[in-house]
Amino acid sequence: MKKIILVSILVVVAAGCSGNDSKEVTNNAATNTFTNPLKASGADPWVFYHKGIYYYTNTSGRKIGIWRTKDITELRDAEHKTIYVPPENTMYSKQLWAPEIMKTGDNWYVYFAADDGDNINHKLYVLENTSDDPFEGEFKMKGQIKTDENDNWAIDGSVFKHRGDYYLIWSGWQTSPYVEVETQCIYIARMENPWTLATDRVLISRPEYEWERIWKNPDEWNNTNDHITYVNEGPEVLAHKDKLFLVYSCSGCWTPYYALGMLTADADSDLLNPKSWTKHPEPVFHQSEENGVYGTGHNCFFKSPDGTEDWILYHANDRPEQGCGGKRSPRAQLIKWNDDGTPDFGTALSTSTYIKKPSGTIEN
């Protein structure tokens, strides 16, 4: 289930930044800072860091593009290239959602969801580029990832590596089509290769708390769905010490209540055992009416250039009624770590807050 104000980004005049706990700067005099959003629009942001370069992508609808930059906070000025436009009249020619680019072995891969114009046919697909540079060569269709024997509806595929194995996590229906109530669940499977699953899918989260099941807006505005819809989607994994944190989006993106929930697993546990995952009873990141930030969701994580900091990249709106459209813009902020080892994502920062750039950021 997948809406801009222009904010000037300060030019970098000094390389690097401190590793202080506090990343907010309260005045415009500070150098080496930025303000959100990172660019005017871009839902479902994703970034992959490789050899000093951040490769970024987001949902663009009918095509897939990538940006590259040494400074993720200067994304507005990053070099851009359209890497894939699907052929017309295919099962993957429309509604290309949530692309994610990564390098596995010698090749580059892009994972995305698409359909033929009918949402009920949304499935996961993979592109492959054998060039060492994703801005060179060609991204070709590698194929569909069949997530189960019944080829159920699936979106928001994300791949992560853990102790030598690759895993796919995604949002899917238990049966296609859904019956009466549409319920998106989070699944996991181990991968045989970058385009094939080695195991059956395992359900590890379904919408159960009230904050995961909000699908109507106040006073009926922006209520476009004609059926009950409960959402768990956009799963991403953040590893820290001996834990894995699976952070996912929940409730309807067409509401301002779109938020992030979290599952936790021990790093040495069986990730394909649902009992290994414990759900946090409250959202870990959500809208801030005080700061004018709404619909905070569909995140990913990245390291600072020097590897000392963890950051969250997410999309959000400036107004509560902007919903799932083109007003959503990518935003970044530092993750702090609690004494018990769990992440503290803090409060969604306003677009007028100056934030220190990620540690080790250098001029492009």
Protein backbone atom coordinates (compact mmCIF):
# COMPACT_ATOMS: atom_id res chain seq x y z
CA MET A 1 0.00 0.00 0.00
CA LYS A 2 1.93 2.54 -1.14
CA LYS A 3 2.47 12.56 -0.46
CA ILE A 4 6.53 19.10 -0.28
CA ILE A 5 7.83 21.97 0.91
CA LEU A 6 11.12 23.28 -0.44
CA VAL A 7 13.79 23.56 2.20
CA SER A 8 17.27 24.89 1.52
CA ILE A 9 20.04 22.47 2.35
CA LEU A 10 23.19 24.04 3.75
CA VAL A 11 26.33 23.66 1.66
CA VAL A 12 29.01 21.56 3.32
CA VAL A 13 32.00 23.70 4.22
CA ALA A 14 33.78 21.35 6.60
CA ALA A 15 34.44 17.65 6.26
CA GLY A 16 33.24 15.23 8.91
CA CYS A 17 31.20 15.86 12.03
CA SER A 18 31.37 14.93 15.67
CA GLY A 19 29.95 11.79 17.19
CA ASN A 20 28.11 13.68 19.93
CA ASP A 21 24.86 12.20 21.22
CA SER A 22 22.88 15.33 20.40
CA LYS A 23 22.42 15.89 16.66
CA GLU A 24 20.03 18.83 16.73
CA VAL A 25 21.38 22.30 16.10
CA THR A 26 19.16 25.20 17.10
CA ASN A 27 20.54 27.95 14.88
CA ASN A 28 21.45 28.59 11.26
CA ALA A 29 25.02 29.52 12.11
CA ALA A 30 26.19 25.92 12.38
CA THR A 31 28.04 24.39 9.45
CA ASN A 32 27.86 20.79 8.27
CA THR A 33 24.12 20.53 8.87
CA PHE A 34 21.03 19.72 6.85
CA THR A 35 17.27 19.94 7.13
CA ASN A 36 14.61 17.46 6.08
CA PRO A 37 13.27 16.55 3.58
CA LEU A 38 16.25 15.33 1.56
CA LYS A 39 14.37 15.98 -1.66
CA ALA A 40 10.95 17.31 -2.54
CA SER A 41 9.23 13.95 -2.91
CA GLY A 42 10.02 10.27 -2.86
CA ALA A 43 7.98 7.55 -1.19
CA ASP A 44 9.47 4.29 0.08
CA PRO A 45 13.09 5.52 0.23
CA TRP A 46 15.97 3.06 0.13
CA VAL A 47 19.75 3.57 0.20
CA PHE A 48 22.72 1.21 -0.18
CA TYR A 49 26.27 2.27 0.68
CA HIS A 50 29.11 0.89 -1.44
CA LYS A 51 32.73 2.06 -1.74
CA GLY A 52 32.06 5.55 -0.44
CA ILE A 53 28.89 6.11 -2.48
CA TYR A 54 25.25 6.12 -1.39
CA TYR A 55 22.98 4.59 -4.04
CA TYR A 56 19.41 5.73 -3.48
CA THR A 57 16.04 4.85 -4.99
CA ASN A 58 12.34 5.36 -4.28
CA THR A 59 8.96 4.57 -5.76
CA SER A 60 8.47 6.28 -9.14
CA GLY A 61 5.38 4.44 -10.41
CA ARG A 62 6.07 3.34 -13.98
CA LYS A 63 9.87 3.16 -13.92
CA ILE A 64 12.85 2.66 -11.61
CA GLY A 65 15.59 5.22 -11.13
CA ILE A 66 18.69 5.45 -8.95
CA TRP A 67 20.65 8.39 -7.55
CA ARG A 68 24.26 8.40 -6.34
CA THR A 69 26.03 10.75 -3.96
CA LYS A 70 28.81 10.83 -1.37
CA ASP A 71 26.57 12.93 0.86
CA ILE A 72 23.10 11.49 1.40
CA THR A 73 21.93 14.83 2.82
CA GLU A 74 22.54 16.44 -0.59
CA LEU A 75 20.25 14.03 -2.37
CA ARG A 76 18.49 16.87 -4.22
CA ASP A 77 21.68 17.46 -6.21
CA ALA A 78 22.63 13.81 -6.71
CA GLU A 79 23.29 12.29 -10.12
CA HIS A 80 20.24 10.40 -11.36
CA LYS A 81 19.64 7.69 -13.94
CA THR A 82 16.54 5.78 -15.01
CA ILE A 83 17.66 2.15 -15.00
CA TYR A 84 14.49 0.28 -15.93
CA VAL A 85 11.23 0.87 -17.75
CA PRO A 86 9.17 -2.33 -18.01
CA PRO A 87 7.68 -3.41 -21.33
CA GLU A 88 4.02 -2.53 -21.81
CA ASN A 89 1.20 -5.00 -21.19
CA THR A 90 3.13 -7.32 -18.88
CA MET A 91 2.26 -8.52 -15.39
CA TYR A 92 4.91 -6.10 -14.06
CA SER A 93 4.36 -3.01 -16.23
CA LYS A 94 2.48 -0.85 -13.70
CA GLN A 95 2.51 0.28 -10.06
CA LEU A 96 6.21 -0.38 -9.50
CA TRP A 97 6.56 -0.01 -5.74
CA ALA A 98 9.38 0.19 -3.20
CA PRO A 99 12.50 -0.68 -5.25
CA GLU A 100 15.61 -1.66 -3.31
CA ILE A 101 19.10 -1.82 -4.86
CA MET A 102 21.99 -3.83 -3.47
CA LYS A 103 25.15 -5.59 -4.54
CA THR A 104 25.40 -9.33 -3.94
CA GLY A 105 28.65 -10.95 -4.98
CA ASP A 106 29.73 -9.51 -8.33
CA ASN A 107 26.30 -8.34 -9.47
CA TRP A 108 23.79 -5.62 -8.65
CA TYR A 109 20.15 -6.48 -7.96
CA VAL A 110 16.99 -4.43 -7.67
CA TYR A 111 13.96 -5.85 -5.86
CA PHE A 112 10.53 -4.31 -6.46
CA ALA A 113 6.81 -5.07 -6.53
CA ALA A 114 4.66 -4.53 -9.62
CA ASP A 115 1.42 -5.56 -11.28
CA ASP A 116 -0.54 -5.23 -14.53
CA GLY A 117 -2.69 -2.37 -13.25
CA ASP A 118 -4.75 -4.54 -10.92
CA ASN A 119 -3.42 -4.48 -7.34
CA ILE A 120 -4.57 -8.04 -6.74
CA ASN A 121 -1.77 -9.14 -9.08
CA HIS A 122 1.08 -7.46 -7.19
CA LYS A 123 4.14 -9.74 -7.01
CA LEU A 124 7.87 -9.41 -6.33
CA TYR A 125 10.41 -9.11 -9.17
CA VAL A 126 14.20 -8.93 -9.48
CA LEU A 127 16.46 -7.03 -11.88
CA GLU A 128 20.13 -7.98 -12.39
CA ASN A 129 23.09 -5.95 -13.65
CA THR A 130 26.45 -7.71 -14.08
CA SER A 131 28.41 -4.44 -14.31
CA ASP A 132 30.60 -3.39 -11.39
CA ASP A 133 29.04 0.08 -11.60
CA PRO A 134 25.20 0.20 -11.40
CA PHE A 135 25.27 3.36 -13.54
CA GLU A 136 26.85 1.28 -16.31
CA GLY A 137 25.68 -1.90 -17.99
CA GLU A 138 22.00 -2.81 -18.09
CA PHE A 139 19.47 -3.90 -15.50
CA LYS A 140 17.63 -6.86 -16.99
CA MET A 141 14.61 -8.71 -15.71
CA LYS A 142 15.85 -11.76 -13.82
CA GLY A 143 12.37 -12.94 -12.97
CA GLN A 144 9.62 -13.12 -10.39
CA ILE A 145 10.26 -14.34 -6.87
CA LYS A 146 7.53 -16.89 -6.16
CA THR A 147 6.91 -16.43 -2.45
CA ASP A 148 4.82 -19.57 -1.97
CA GLU A 149 3.34 -22.43 -3.94
CA ASN A 150 0.09 -20.53 -4.47
CA ASP A 151 1.89 -17.45 -5.78
CA ASN A 152 0.16 -15.08 -3.36
CA TRP A 153 0.07 -11.28 -3.45
CA ALA A 154 3.40 -9.86 -2.26
CA ILE A 155 5.00 -6.40 -1.96
CA ASP A 156 7.90 -4.62 -0.23
CA GLY A 157 10.57 -7.28 -0.63
CA SER A 158 13.82 -6.64 1.25
CA VAL A 159 16.93 -8.83 1.39
CA PHE A 160 19.41 -9.00 4.27
CA LYS A 161 22.43 -11.16 5.04
CA HIS A 162 22.85 -12.85 8.40
CA ARG A 163 25.66 -15.25 9.30
CA GLY A 164 26.36 -16.27 5.73
CA ASP A 165 22.75 -16.71 4.62
CA TYR A 166 20.51 -14.32 2.73
CA TYR A 167 16.90 -13.84 3.79
CA LEU A 168 13.93 -12.23 2.08
CA ILE A 169 11.31 -10.42 4.14
CA TRP A 170 8.13 -8.97 2.63
CA SER A 171 4.46 -8.07 3.08
CA GLY A 172 1.88 -10.52 1.80
CA TRP A 173 -1.60 -11.94 2.05
CA GLN A 174 -2.19 -15.36 3.52
CA THR A 175 -4.47 -16.16 0.58
CA SER A 176 -5.14 -14.43 -2.72
CA PRO A 177 -7.59 -12.90 -3.09
CA TYR A 178 -8.20 -11.83 0.51
CA VAL A 179 -11.57 -12.74 2.02
CA GLU A 180 -13.72 -9.89 3.45
CA VAL A 181 -10.90 -8.21 5.39
CA GLU A 182 -7.60 -7.40 3.67
CA THR A 183 -4.76 -8.27 6.04
CA GLN A 184 -1.13 -7.69 5.15
CA CYS A 185 1.33 -9.83 7.10
CA ILE A 186 5.13 -9.94 7.35
CA TYR A 187 6.83 -13.09 6.01
CA ILE A 188 10.41 -14.37 5.97
CA ALA A 189 12.21 -17.06 3.96
CA ARG A 190 15.82 -18.07 3.43
CA MET A 191 17.15 -17.58 -0.12
CA GLU A 192 18.85 -20.07 -2.40
CA ASN A 193 20.16 -17.30 -4.65
CA PRO A 194 19.26 -13.63 -5.22
CA TRP A 195 16.09 -14.53 -7.15
CA THR A 196 14.93 -17.83 -5.62
CA LEU A 197 13.70 -18.88 -2.17
CA ALA A 198 15.18 -21.96 -0.53
CA THR A 199 12.47 -22.43 2.11
CA ASP A 200 8.75 -22.03 2.57
CA ARG A 201 7.55 -18.65 3.73
CA VAL A 202 7.05 -18.15 7.48
CA LEU A 203 4.59 -15.66 8.92
CA ILE A 204 6.22 -13.64 11.73
CA SER A 205 3.86 -10.67 12.15
CA ARG A 206 0.22 -9.84 11.51
CA PRO A 207 -1.66 -6.66 12.50
CA GLU A 208 -2.95 -7.30 16.01
CA TYR A 209 -2.65 -4.10 18.07
CA GLU A 210 -5.07 -1.23 17.49
CA TRP A 211 -2.21 1.03 16.33
CA GLU A 212 -1.48 -1.52 13.55
CA ARG A 213 -5.08 -1.63 12.37
CA ILE A 214 -6.08 2.00 11.74
CA TRP A 215 -7.64 2.22 8.29
CA LYS A 216 -10.10 5.12 8.61
CA ASN A 217 -9.41 8.82 8.94
CA PRO A 218 -11.30 11.28 11.16
CA ASP A 219 -14.47 12.74 9.66
CA GLU A 220 -14.19 10.32 6.74
CA TRP A 221 -11.64 12.41 4.79
CA ASN A 222 -9.33 10.52 2.45
CA ASN A 223 -11.05 7.20 3.12
CA THR A 224 -10.58 5.69 -0.34
CA ASN A 225 -10.67 2.04 0.65
CA ASP A 226 -14.02 0.35 0.29
CA HIS A 227 -13.10 -2.52 2.60
CA ILE A 228 -11.40 -3.05 5.96
CA THR A 229 -7.63 -3.10 5.54
CA TYR A 230 -5.12 -3.99 8.25
CA VAL A 231 -1.51 -3.32 7.35
CA ASN A 232 1.94 -4.68 8.18
CA GLU A 233 4.36 -3.79 5.36
CA GLY A 234 7.77 -2.34 4.45
CA PRO A 235 9.91 -4.62 6.69
CA GLU A 236 13.60 -3.73 7.18
CA VAL A 237 16.25 -5.29 9.44
CA LEU A 238 18.64 -3.39 11.71
CA ALA A 239 21.39 -5.47 13.35
CA HIS A 240 23.03 -4.31 16.58
CA LYS A 241 25.30 -6.37 18.83
CA ASP A 242 23.49 -9.65 19.59
CA LYS A 243 20.05 -8.62 18.32
CA LEU A 244 18.16 -8.21 15.08
CA PHE A 245 15.42 -5.60 14.93
CA LEU A 246 12.83 -5.97 12.18
CA VAL A 247 11.10 -2.61 11.79
CA TYR A 248 7.91 -2.50 9.72
CA SER A 249 5.19 -0.01 8.73
CA CYS A 250 1.65 -0.38 9.97
CA SER A 251 -1.87 1.06 9.59
CA GLY A 252 -2.99 2.68 6.35
CA CYS A 253 -0.56 4.95 4.50
CA TRP A 254 -3.61 7.02 3.54
CA THR A 255 -3.91 7.99 7.23
CA PRO A 256 -1.58 10.20 9.33
CA TYR A 257 -1.29 7.25 11.71
CA TYR A 258 1.05 5.29 9.44
CA ALA A 259 3.78 4.34 11.90
CA LEU A 260 6.63 1.92 12.61
CA GLY A 261 6.40 -1.22 14.71
CA MET A 262 9.26 -3.53 15.66
CA LEU A 263 10.07 -7.21 16.13
CA THR A 264 13.19 -8.38 17.97
CA ALA A 265 15.14 -11.65 17.63
CA ASP A 266 18.37 -12.93 19.14
CA ALA A 267 21.12 -13.03 16.53
CA ASP A 268 21.79 -16.72 17.25
CA SER A 269 18.12 -17.77 17.06
CA ASP A 270 16.36 -19.58 14.23
CA LEU A 271 15.01 -16.69 12.18
CA LEU A 272 12.53 -19.01 10.46
CA ASN A 273 10.89 -19.87 13.78
CA PRO A 274 8.07 -17.39 14.54
CA LYS A 275 8.74 -17.86 18.26
CA SER A 276 12.18 -16.28 17.78
CA TRP A 277 10.52 -12.92 17.10
CA THR A 278 9.00 -10.74 19.83
CA LYS A 279 6.75 -7.82 18.91
CA HIS A 280 7.11 -4.51 20.73
CA PRO A 281 3.69 -3.64 22.22
CA GLU A 282 3.78 0.00 21.08
CA PRO A 283 4.87 1.81 17.90
CA VAL A 284 8.56 2.79 17.92
CA PHE A 285 8.18 5.80 15.58
CA HIS A 286 5.08 7.77 14.65
CA GLN A 287 3.65 11.11 13.58
CA SER A 288 4.52 14.31 15.46
CA GLU A 289 1.68 16.81 15.29
CA GLU A 290 3.83 19.31 17.22
CA ASN A 291 6.56 19.12 14.56
CA GLY A 292 4.21 18.93 11.58
CA VAL A 293 5.27 15.46 10.46
CA TYR A 294 2.65 12.86 9.51
CA GLY A 295 2.48 9.37 8.03
CA THR A 296 6.00 8.39 9.15
CA GLY A 297 6.80 5.06 7.55
CA HIS A 298 8.41 2.78 5.01
CA ASN A 299 11.93 3.21 6.32
CA CYS A 300 15.37 1.78 5.73
CA PHE A 301 18.64 2.07 7.65
CA PHE A 302 22.13 3.25 6.74
CA LYS A 303 25.52 3.81 8.36
CA SER A 304 27.36 7.11 8.44
CA PRO A 305 30.32 7.23 6.02
CA ASP A 306 32.78 6.46 8.83
CA GLY A 307 30.63 3.57 10.10
CA THR A 308 30.19 4.96 13.61
CA GLU A 309 26.51 5.94 13.44
CA ASP A 310 23.21 4.30 12.53
CA TRP A 311 20.59 6.39 10.74
CA ILE A 312 16.96 5.88 9.78
CA LEU A 313 15.67 7.01 6.39
CA TYR A 314 11.87 7.23 6.08
CA HIS A 315 9.14 9.06 4.24
CA ALA A 316 6.57 11.42 5.74
CA ASN A 317 4.05 14.15 4.90
CA ASP A 318 3.78 17.77 6.00
CA ARG A 319 0.00 17.58 6.46
CA PRO A 320 -2.25 14.86 7.94
CA GLU A 321 -4.49 14.56 4.88
CA GLN A 322 -1.75 14.08 2.24
CA GLY A 323 -1.94 10.30 2.38
CA CYS A 324 -0.23 7.89 -0.03
CA GLY A 325 0.47 10.20 -2.96
CA GLY A 326 3.32 12.30 -4.30
CA LYS A 327 3.64 14.61 -1.30
CA ARG A 328 5.59 12.01 0.68
CA SER A 329 9.25 12.98 1.01
CA PRO A 330 12.40 11.21 2.27
CA ARG A 331 13.80 12.27 5.65
CA ALA A 332 16.74 11.11 7.77
CA GLN A 333 17.70 11.28 11.43
CA LEU A 334 20.16 9.69 13.80
CA ILE A 335 19.34 6.55 15.77
CA LYS A 336 20.40 6.45 19.42
CA TRP A 337 20.79 3.26 21.42
CA ASN A 338 19.14 2.53 24.75
CA ASP A 339 21.00 0.89 27.64
CA ASP A 340 19.20 -2.40 26.93
CA GLY A 341 20.53 -2.42 23.35
CA THR A 342 17.27 -1.44 21.65
CA PRO A 343 17.12 1.41 19.12
CA ASP A 344 15.72 4.80 20.05
CA PHE A 345 14.36 6.47 16.92
CA GLY A 346 13.36 9.61 18.79
CA THR A 347 10.68 12.04 17.62
CA ALA A 348 10.11 12.84 13.95
CA LEU A 349 11.98 16.13 13.47
CA SER A 350 10.42 19.20 11.89
CA THR A 351 11.54 20.53 8.52
CA SER A 352 12.95 23.60 10.30
CA THR A 353 15.30 21.60 12.55
CA TYR A 354 18.99 21.74 11.65
CA ILE A 355 20.61 18.31 12.01
CA LYS A 356 24.31 17.48 11.99
CA LYS A 357 25.30 15.49 8.93
CA PRO A 358 26.28 11.83 9.35
CA SER A 359 29.74 11.44 10.84
CA GLY A 360 32.49 11.31 8.24
CA THR A 361 30.47 13.07 5.53
CA ILE A 362 32.76 14.79 3.03
CA GLU A 363 32.15 17.21 0.21
CA ASN A 364 31.02 15.75 -3.10
